[in-house]
Amino acid sequence: MNENSQLLQAKNARISGFFKKGVLIALISGALYGVYSACLLAATGSGEWVGWYGGWYVAGDSATINGIAMSFLIAVLILGALGSGINDLVSAIWMVGKAAVKGKFKDYLRCLGSKPGIVMVICALIGGPVASIAYLIALTMAGPIATPISALCPAIGAIIGRLLFKQNLNLRMVVGILICIAATFMIGSTAFAGTELNVQFLIGLAIALISALGWGIEGAIAGFGTSVMDYEIAISIRQATSGIVALFIVTPALFLIAGHLGLYPSMLIDAFKGPFIDPDTSLLASPLVFFLISGLAAGMSFGFWYKGNSMCGAALGMACNGTFSFWVPFFSFLVCGLYLGWGYVDGSLSVASGYVLAPIQWLAAVVMVVGIFLIAINPLDLFKKKEA
């Protein structure tokens, strides 16, 4: 009996260790998402991108790219899809290369035609081009508040994980998820300042929910899929699918809709151009270098997201990953605010510029930690262990 008890304790300890490792991996995925977002922002704010964005004029709903007038919405989507597609394709090169170095390239090719591989391709389409484009439209119509709305994906992923895969979701975990969602809205609350509540704004919020739904579906299904597939192979399939579709199908389609398909080849090449070192600031300013960093961070972030979800469940994994709503502004502040010097007003960084964290965002980070702790651990268990 004593031997059985020891075996049971050893088994529980192993399960607990596996679970805690999954939580840690999911948390790291959220931080890496912040690095990826900040470096992608830096890439699309350097080199030729400065002229593409800086050359816009707002006259009703029109804009210009390379001196050619087009719909402002189409212009936003073109540059967003171009930047996102380049990032995901660079990320795919990193991830496939990593798999090849580890001797997994044959497994990668074999998994492409398997049922789990097809599921990953579908997840990539839902979470990549579909959710990302919905997010871009939401940003255009509703502004920065689209970010915390899209961060509702943990709640959606938790519900899907419960319905499809019967993953545990008790009252304590639900309360923890709600706390994380509340923290996300605390972070995004400053975005409401000066916002006009009109039909366009409300439609934008509704479209932001589409991105949350897309990422929620991807997180739940892909997390389950990586329990039967190596997560490094899974993320290689995901990034390759998303990058190829976004860059070679969606982006040229948007140029075609704008009536300027001829711009696509030249802008695709020019997207990487720019001095390695900015002659005025002596700082790294190459879009290519920033894309290389953002692509690597994106691949690692999504890979850890998948792996974390498979180890600790979609509910907790996505709640931990949801900390990106804090890490994105934090790393944007470090990379774009402090390093590149964006957002300076009268010689100092301004909160209004979006590159300084407001006090409520720091408070929200603490609240989110509390929510994650509540999802991961029953506080009463700590007292029980102390008594024992």
Protein backbone atom coordinates (compact mmCIF):
# COMPACT_ATOMS: atom_id res chain seq x y z
CA MET A 1 0.00 0.00 0.00
CA ASN A 2 2.87 2.32 0.92
CA GLU A 3 4.62 1.53 -2.38
CA ASN A 4 1.42 2.27 -4.32
CA SER A 5 1.09 5.56 -2.46
CA GLN A 6 4.65 6.53 -3.41
CA LEU A 7 4.02 5.61 -7.04
CA LEU A 8 0.83 7.70 -7.05
CA GLN A 9 2.69 10.66 -5.53
CA ALA A 10 5.45 10.32 -8.13
CA LYS A 11 2.85 10.19 -10.90
CA ASN A 12 1.03 13.28 -9.58
CA ALA A 13 4.31 15.14 -9.22
CA ARG A 14 5.21 14.33 -12.81
CA ILE A 15 1.81 15.48 -14.06
CA SER A 16 2.08 18.67 -12.00
CA GLY A 17 5.57 19.36 -13.36
CA PHE A 18 4.39 18.83 -16.94
CA PHE A 19 1.44 21.16 -16.32
CA LYS A 20 3.61 23.91 -14.76
CA LYS A 21 6.10 23.67 -17.63
CA GLY A 22 3.19 24.16 -20.04
CA VAL A 23 2.12 27.30 -18.13
CA LEU A 24 5.67 28.69 -18.29
CA ILE A 25 5.92 28.00 -22.03
CA ALA A 26 2.55 29.70 -22.64
CA LEU A 27 3.70 32.75 -20.66
CA ILE A 28 6.91 32.96 -22.69
CA SER A 29 4.81 32.83 -25.88
CA GLY A 30 2.99 35.99 -24.76
CA ALA A 31 6.27 37.84 -24.13
CA LEU A 32 7.70 36.73 -27.48
CA TYR A 33 4.54 37.99 -29.16
CA GLY A 34 5.40 41.40 -27.74
CA VAL A 35 8.92 41.21 -29.22
CA TYR A 36 7.53 40.13 -32.60
CA SER A 37 4.93 42.92 -32.68
CA ALA A 38 7.42 45.63 -31.65
CA CYS A 39 10.01 44.56 -34.24
CA LEU A 40 7.35 44.25 -36.96
CA LEU A 41 6.23 47.77 -36.10
CA ALA A 42 9.86 48.92 -36.34
CA ALA A 43 10.28 47.15 -39.71
CA THR A 44 7.20 48.83 -41.19
CA GLY A 45 8.36 52.19 -39.86
CA SER A 46 11.80 52.08 -41.48
CA GLY A 47 13.24 52.36 -44.99
CA GLU A 48 10.72 52.74 -47.81
CA TRP A 49 7.86 52.13 -45.39
CA VAL A 50 8.35 55.63 -43.97
CA GLY A 51 7.43 57.13 -47.33
CA TRP A 52 4.53 54.73 -47.87
CA TYR A 53 2.91 55.63 -44.57
CA GLY A 54 4.17 59.22 -44.37
CA GLY A 55 2.98 60.01 -47.88
CA TRP A 56 -0.68 59.48 -47.02
CA TYR A 57 -3.05 62.38 -47.12
CA VAL A 58 -6.43 62.10 -45.46
CA ALA A 59 -9.17 63.67 -47.54
CA GLY A 60 -12.40 61.95 -46.67
CA ASP A 61 -11.57 58.27 -47.16
CA SER A 62 -8.72 58.54 -49.68
CA ALA A 63 -4.97 57.98 -49.35
CA THR A 64 -1.84 57.70 -51.49
CA ILE A 65 0.90 55.09 -51.86
CA ASN A 66 3.85 56.05 -54.07
CA GLY A 67 1.80 59.01 -55.30
CA ILE A 68 -1.14 56.87 -56.44
CA ALA A 69 -4.52 57.66 -54.89
CA MET A 70 -6.67 54.82 -53.59
CA SER A 71 -9.20 54.00 -50.89
CA PHE A 72 -7.80 54.60 -47.42
CA LEU A 73 -9.11 51.20 -46.29
CA ILE A 74 -7.46 49.43 -49.23
CA ALA A 75 -4.20 51.27 -48.52
CA VAL A 76 -4.31 50.11 -44.88
CA LEU A 77 -5.01 46.53 -45.94
CA ILE A 78 -2.32 46.49 -48.64
CA LEU A 79 0.45 47.66 -46.33
CA GLY A 80 -0.83 45.50 -43.47
CA ALA A 81 -1.04 42.36 -45.63
CA LEU A 82 2.36 43.07 -47.19
CA GLY A 83 4.06 43.49 -43.81
CA SER A 84 2.27 40.54 -42.23
CA GLY A 85 2.97 38.31 -45.22
CA ILE A 86 6.69 39.14 -45.26
CA ASN A 87 6.94 38.53 -41.52
CA ASP A 88 5.20 35.14 -41.70
CA LEU A 89 7.23 34.00 -44.71
CA VAL A 90 10.49 34.99 -42.99
CA SER A 91 9.20 33.21 -39.89
CA ALA A 92 8.48 30.09 -41.97
CA ILE A 93 12.06 30.11 -43.30
CA TRP A 94 13.36 30.28 -39.72
CA MET A 95 11.07 27.49 -38.49
CA VAL A 96 11.54 25.13 -41.47
CA GLY A 97 15.28 25.72 -41.25
CA LYS A 98 15.22 24.90 -37.55
CA ALA A 99 13.29 21.69 -38.24
CA ALA A 100 15.77 20.76 -40.98
CA VAL A 101 18.78 21.30 -38.68
CA LYS A 102 17.14 18.98 -36.14
CA GLY A 103 16.61 16.34 -38.83
CA LYS A 104 12.84 16.82 -38.98
CA PHE A 105 12.48 18.03 -42.56
CA LYS A 106 11.30 14.64 -43.88
CA ASP A 107 8.74 14.54 -41.06
CA TYR A 108 7.66 18.05 -42.07
CA LEU A 109 7.03 16.96 -45.67
CA ARG A 110 5.28 13.78 -44.51
CA CYS A 111 3.00 15.66 -42.11
CA LEU A 112 1.94 18.13 -44.81
CA GLY A 113 -0.20 15.44 -46.46
CA SER A 114 -1.50 13.89 -43.25
CA LYS A 115 -4.83 14.65 -41.58
CA PRO A 116 -3.19 16.53 -38.67
CA GLY A 117 -1.17 18.48 -41.25
CA ILE A 118 -4.32 19.45 -43.16
CA VAL A 119 -5.90 20.55 -39.88
CA MET A 120 -2.84 22.76 -39.24
CA VAL A 121 -3.18 24.29 -42.72
CA ILE A 122 -6.84 25.12 -41.99
CA CYS A 123 -5.85 26.58 -38.60
CA ALA A 124 -3.21 28.69 -40.34
CA LEU A 125 -5.78 30.08 -42.77
CA ILE A 126 -8.21 30.87 -39.95
CA GLY A 127 -5.65 32.33 -37.56
CA GLY A 128 -3.38 33.85 -40.20
CA PRO A 129 -4.88 35.77 -43.15
CA VAL A 130 -8.55 35.66 -41.99
CA ALA A 131 -8.05 36.77 -38.37
CA SER A 132 -5.20 39.16 -39.20
CA ILE A 133 -7.10 40.94 -41.97
CA ALA A 134 -10.18 41.22 -39.73
CA TYR A 135 -7.91 42.71 -37.07
CA LEU A 136 -6.47 45.25 -39.54
CA ILE A 137 -9.95 46.33 -40.65
CA ALA A 138 -11.00 46.63 -37.00
CA LEU A 139 -7.97 48.79 -36.26
CA THR A 140 -8.86 51.03 -39.18
CA MET A 141 -12.49 51.44 -38.13
CA ALA A 142 -12.29 51.32 -34.32
CA GLY A 143 -8.71 52.29 -33.51
CA PRO A 144 -6.46 50.80 -30.76
CA ILE A 145 -9.40 49.44 -28.74
CA ALA A 146 -9.49 46.61 -31.31
CA THR A 147 -6.46 45.08 -29.55
CA PRO A 148 -8.17 44.27 -26.22
CA ILE A 149 -11.28 43.14 -28.10
CA SER A 150 -9.17 40.69 -30.11
CA ALA A 151 -7.60 39.51 -26.84
CA LEU A 152 -10.93 37.89 -25.98
CA CYS A 153 -9.55 34.88 -27.87
CA PRO A 154 -8.56 33.08 -24.59
CA ALA A 155 -12.20 32.97 -23.49
CA ILE A 156 -13.30 31.74 -26.93
CA GLY A 157 -10.50 29.18 -27.03
CA ALA A 158 -11.40 27.95 -23.55
CA ILE A 159 -15.05 27.45 -24.53
CA ILE A 160 -14.09 25.64 -27.74
CA GLY A 161 -11.60 23.48 -25.84
CA ARG A 162 -14.32 22.57 -23.37
CA LEU A 163 -16.97 21.79 -26.00
CA LEU A 164 -14.80 19.88 -28.49
CA PHE A 165 -12.10 18.28 -26.37
CA LYS A 166 -13.77 18.09 -22.93
CA GLN A 167 -10.88 20.01 -21.36
CA ASN A 168 -11.33 20.93 -17.71
CA LEU A 169 -12.94 24.34 -17.14
CA ASN A 170 -14.18 24.78 -13.57
CA LEU A 171 -15.58 27.86 -11.84
CA ARG A 172 -12.20 28.95 -10.47
CA MET A 173 -10.64 28.86 -13.95
CA VAL A 174 -13.59 30.79 -15.40
CA VAL A 175 -13.12 33.50 -12.77
CA GLY A 176 -9.40 33.63 -13.58
CA ILE A 177 -10.12 33.99 -17.31
CA LEU A 178 -12.61 36.80 -16.59
CA ILE A 179 -9.95 38.58 -14.51
CA CYS A 180 -7.50 38.31 -17.42
CA ILE A 181 -10.13 39.73 -19.78
CA ALA A 182 -10.80 42.58 -17.33
CA ALA A 183 -7.06 43.32 -17.22
CA THR A 184 -6.98 43.40 -21.02
CA PHE A 185 -9.75 45.99 -21.08
CA MET A 186 -7.90 48.01 -18.43
CA ILE A 187 -4.92 48.13 -20.77
CA GLY A 188 -7.08 49.19 -23.70
CA SER A 189 -9.27 51.62 -21.76
CA THR A 190 -7.04 54.58 -22.59
CA ALA A 191 -7.84 53.99 -26.26
CA PHE A 192 -11.40 55.22 -25.64
CA ALA A 193 -10.11 58.73 -24.91
CA GLY A 194 -11.45 61.06 -27.56
CA THR A 195 -13.16 58.22 -29.45
CA GLU A 196 -16.40 59.04 -31.23
CA LEU A 197 -19.01 56.31 -30.72
CA ASN A 198 -20.56 56.02 -34.17
CA VAL A 199 -21.75 53.24 -36.47
CA GLN A 200 -18.29 52.80 -38.02
CA PHE A 201 -16.73 52.40 -34.57
CA LEU A 202 -19.29 49.79 -33.49
CA ILE A 203 -18.88 47.84 -36.75
CA GLY A 204 -15.12 47.91 -36.14
CA LEU A 205 -15.61 46.37 -32.69
CA ALA A 206 -17.81 43.64 -34.20
CA ILE A 207 -15.12 42.85 -36.79
CA ALA A 208 -12.50 42.74 -34.00
CA LEU A 209 -14.55 39.91 -32.51
CA ILE A 210 -14.01 37.99 -35.78
CA SER A 211 -10.25 38.15 -35.20
CA ALA A 212 -10.77 36.96 -31.62
CA LEU A 213 -12.90 34.09 -32.90
CA GLY A 214 -10.27 33.15 -35.50
CA TRP A 215 -7.43 33.11 -33.00
CA GLY A 216 -9.61 31.33 -30.46
CA ILE A 217 -10.42 28.53 -32.91
CA GLU A 218 -6.77 28.27 -33.95
CA GLY A 219 -5.52 28.11 -30.36
CA ALA A 220 -7.97 25.42 -29.29
CA ILE A 221 -7.64 23.16 -32.32
CA ALA A 222 -3.92 23.66 -32.96
CA GLY A 223 -3.15 23.12 -29.29
CA PHE A 224 -4.99 19.81 -29.42
CA GLY A 225 -3.33 18.96 -32.75
CA THR A 226 0.19 19.42 -31.35
CA SER A 227 -0.55 16.69 -28.83
CA VAL A 228 -0.28 14.27 -31.79
CA MET A 229 2.27 16.25 -33.86
CA ASP A 230 5.65 17.77 -33.04
CA TYR A 231 4.96 21.44 -32.28
CA GLU A 232 8.02 22.55 -34.29
CA ILE A 233 6.64 20.82 -37.38
CA ALA A 234 3.17 22.22 -36.65
CA ILE A 235 4.39 25.80 -36.43
CA SER A 236 6.48 25.35 -39.60
CA ILE A 237 3.31 24.33 -41.45
CA ARG A 238 1.38 27.20 -39.88
CA GLN A 239 3.85 29.95 -40.76
CA ALA A 240 4.52 28.66 -44.28
CA THR A 241 0.80 28.49 -45.05
CA SER A 242 0.06 31.91 -43.56
CA GLY A 243 3.06 33.59 -45.23
CA ILE A 244 2.46 32.16 -48.70
CA VAL A 245 -1.28 32.90 -48.69
CA ALA A 246 -0.90 36.43 -47.25
CA LEU A 247 2.04 37.48 -49.44
CA PHE A 248 1.31 35.76 -52.75
CA ILE A 249 -2.50 35.55 -52.81
CA VAL A 250 -4.09 38.12 -50.48
CA THR A 251 -1.66 40.99 -51.09
CA PRO A 252 -1.71 40.88 -54.93
CA ALA A 253 -5.51 40.46 -54.76
CA LEU A 254 -5.73 43.71 -52.78
CA PHE A 255 -3.50 45.48 -55.32
CA LEU A 256 -5.79 44.13 -58.06
CA ILE A 257 -8.88 45.44 -56.23
CA ALA A 258 -7.16 48.83 -55.97
CA GLY A 259 -6.55 48.70 -59.73
CA HIS A 260 -2.75 48.87 -59.39
CA LEU A 261 -1.44 45.30 -59.59
CA GLY A 262 1.69 46.64 -61.30
CA LEU A 263 2.79 48.20 -57.99
CA TYR A 264 3.01 44.80 -56.28
CA PRO A 265 6.40 43.50 -57.58
CA SER A 266 8.28 46.74 -57.01
CA MET A 267 6.83 47.30 -53.53
CA LEU A 268 7.59 43.71 -52.54
CA ILE A 269 11.27 44.35 -53.36
CA ASP A 270 11.34 47.86 -51.88
CA ALA A 271 9.86 46.55 -48.61
CA PHE A 272 13.33 45.25 -47.64
CA LYS A 273 15.28 48.33 -48.73
CA GLY A 274 16.83 50.77 -46.31
CA PRO A 275 20.23 51.65 -44.83
CA PHE A 276 21.59 49.17 -42.29
CA ILE A 277 22.51 52.12 -40.04
CA ASP A 278 20.53 55.36 -40.05
CA PRO A 279 23.07 58.11 -40.94
CA ASP A 280 21.18 60.66 -38.83
CA THR A 281 20.83 58.62 -35.62
CA SER A 282 23.59 55.98 -36.07
CA LEU A 283 21.01 53.38 -35.04
CA LEU A 284 20.06 50.08 -36.68
CA ALA A 285 17.34 51.00 -39.16
CA SER A 286 17.18 48.16 -41.70
CA PRO A 287 13.67 46.77 -42.38
CA LEU A 288 15.31 43.46 -43.37
CA VAL A 289 17.01 43.07 -39.98
CA PHE A 290 13.83 43.96 -38.11
CA PHE A 291 11.86 41.48 -40.25
CA LEU A 292 14.43 38.77 -39.45
CA ILE A 293 14.00 39.42 -35.71
CA SER A 294 10.20 39.71 -35.86
CA GLY A 295 9.94 36.55 -37.97
CA LEU A 296 12.04 34.53 -35.53
CA ALA A 297 10.13 35.86 -32.51
CA ALA A 298 6.78 35.20 -34.24
CA GLY A 299 7.67 31.60 -35.03
CA MET A 300 8.86 30.95 -31.48
CA SER A 301 5.82 32.72 -30.00
CA PHE A 302 3.25 30.77 -32.01
CA GLY A 303 5.22 27.55 -31.52
CA PHE A 304 5.25 27.98 -27.73
CA TRP A 305 1.57 28.95 -27.91
CA TYR A 306 0.75 25.64 -29.57
CA LYS A 307 3.03 23.66 -27.23
CA GLY A 308 1.73 25.40 -24.09
CA ASN A 309 -1.89 24.80 -25.09
CA SER A 310 -1.18 21.10 -25.62
CA MET A 311 0.47 20.79 -22.18
CA CYS A 312 -1.85 22.77 -19.93
CA GLY A 313 -5.08 22.97 -21.97
CA ALA A 314 -6.52 25.62 -24.27
CA ALA A 315 -8.15 27.62 -21.44
CA LEU A 316 -5.01 28.19 -19.40
CA GLY A 317 -2.61 28.24 -22.36
CA MET A 318 -4.53 30.99 -24.13
CA ALA A 319 -5.03 32.95 -20.89
CA CYS A 320 -1.25 32.93 -20.36
CA ASN A 321 -0.61 33.86 -23.98
CA GLY A 322 -3.18 36.66 -23.57
CA THR A 323 -0.55 38.57 -21.60
CA PHE A 324 0.51 39.84 -25.04
CA SER A 325 -1.96 42.69 -24.46
CA PHE A 326 0.62 43.97 -21.94
CA TRP A 327 3.83 42.78 -23.64
CA VAL A 328 2.98 44.42 -27.00
CA PRO A 329 2.86 48.00 -25.62
CA PHE A 330 5.78 47.20 -23.25
CA PHE A 331 8.19 46.07 -25.99
CA SER A 332 6.86 48.74 -28.37
CA PHE A 333 7.87 51.23 -25.68
CA LEU A 334 11.37 49.71 -25.44
CA VAL A 335 12.04 49.22 -29.16
CA CYS A 336 10.09 52.05 -30.80
CA GLY A 337 9.92 54.55 -27.95
CA LEU A 338 13.27 54.34 -26.15
CA TYR A 339 15.49 52.86 -28.87
CA LEU A 340 14.14 54.41 -32.10
CA GLY A 341 12.91 57.56 -30.39
CA TRP A 342 9.39 57.51 -31.79
CA GLY A 343 6.62 59.37 -29.96
CA TYR A 344 8.67 62.27 -28.62
CA VAL A 345 6.67 65.43 -27.95
CA ASP A 346 8.64 68.57 -26.96
CA GLY A 347 11.74 66.48 -26.26
CA SER A 348 10.12 63.82 -24.08
CA LEU A 349 8.14 60.63 -24.67
CA SER A 350 4.40 61.23 -24.45
CA VAL A 351 1.79 58.77 -23.16
CA ALA A 352 -0.50 60.01 -25.92
CA SER A 353 1.99 58.77 -28.52
CA GLY A 354 1.33 55.17 -27.56
CA TYR A 355 4.97 54.43 -26.72
CA VAL A 356 4.79 55.01 -22.96
CA LEU A 357 2.87 52.74 -20.61
CA ALA A 358 0.23 54.53 -18.58
CA PRO A 359 -0.08 53.67 -14.83
CA ILE A 360 -3.31 51.75 -15.51
CA GLN A 361 -1.38 49.43 -17.86
CA TRP A 362 1.15 48.58 -15.15
CA LEU A 363 -1.72 47.92 -12.74
CA ALA A 364 -3.44 45.75 -15.35
CA ALA A 365 -0.28 43.64 -15.65
CA VAL A 366 -0.48 42.82 -11.92
CA VAL A 367 -4.20 42.04 -12.22
CA MET A 368 -3.48 39.71 -15.15
CA VAL A 369 -0.85 37.84 -13.10
CA VAL A 370 -3.47 37.32 -10.40
CA GLY A 371 -5.91 35.97 -12.99
CA ILE A 372 -3.35 33.56 -14.43
CA PHE A 373 -2.37 32.40 -10.93
CA LEU A 374 -6.02 31.72 -10.15
CA ILE A 375 -6.45 29.67 -13.34
CA ALA A 376 -3.32 27.64 -12.73
CA ILE A 377 -3.51 27.00 -8.98
CA ASN A 378 -6.26 26.61 -6.42
CA PRO A 379 -5.16 28.99 -3.59
CA LEU A 380 -6.71 26.62 -1.03
CA ASP A 381 -4.24 23.91 -2.07
CA LEU A 382 -1.37 26.08 -0.82
CA PHE A 383 -2.85 26.13 2.69
CA LYS A 384 -3.49 22.39 2.57
CA LYS A 385 0.14 21.73 1.68
CA LYS A 386 1.29 24.00 4.51
CA GLU A 387 -0.87 22.11 7.01
CA ALA A 388 0.43 18.78 5.73
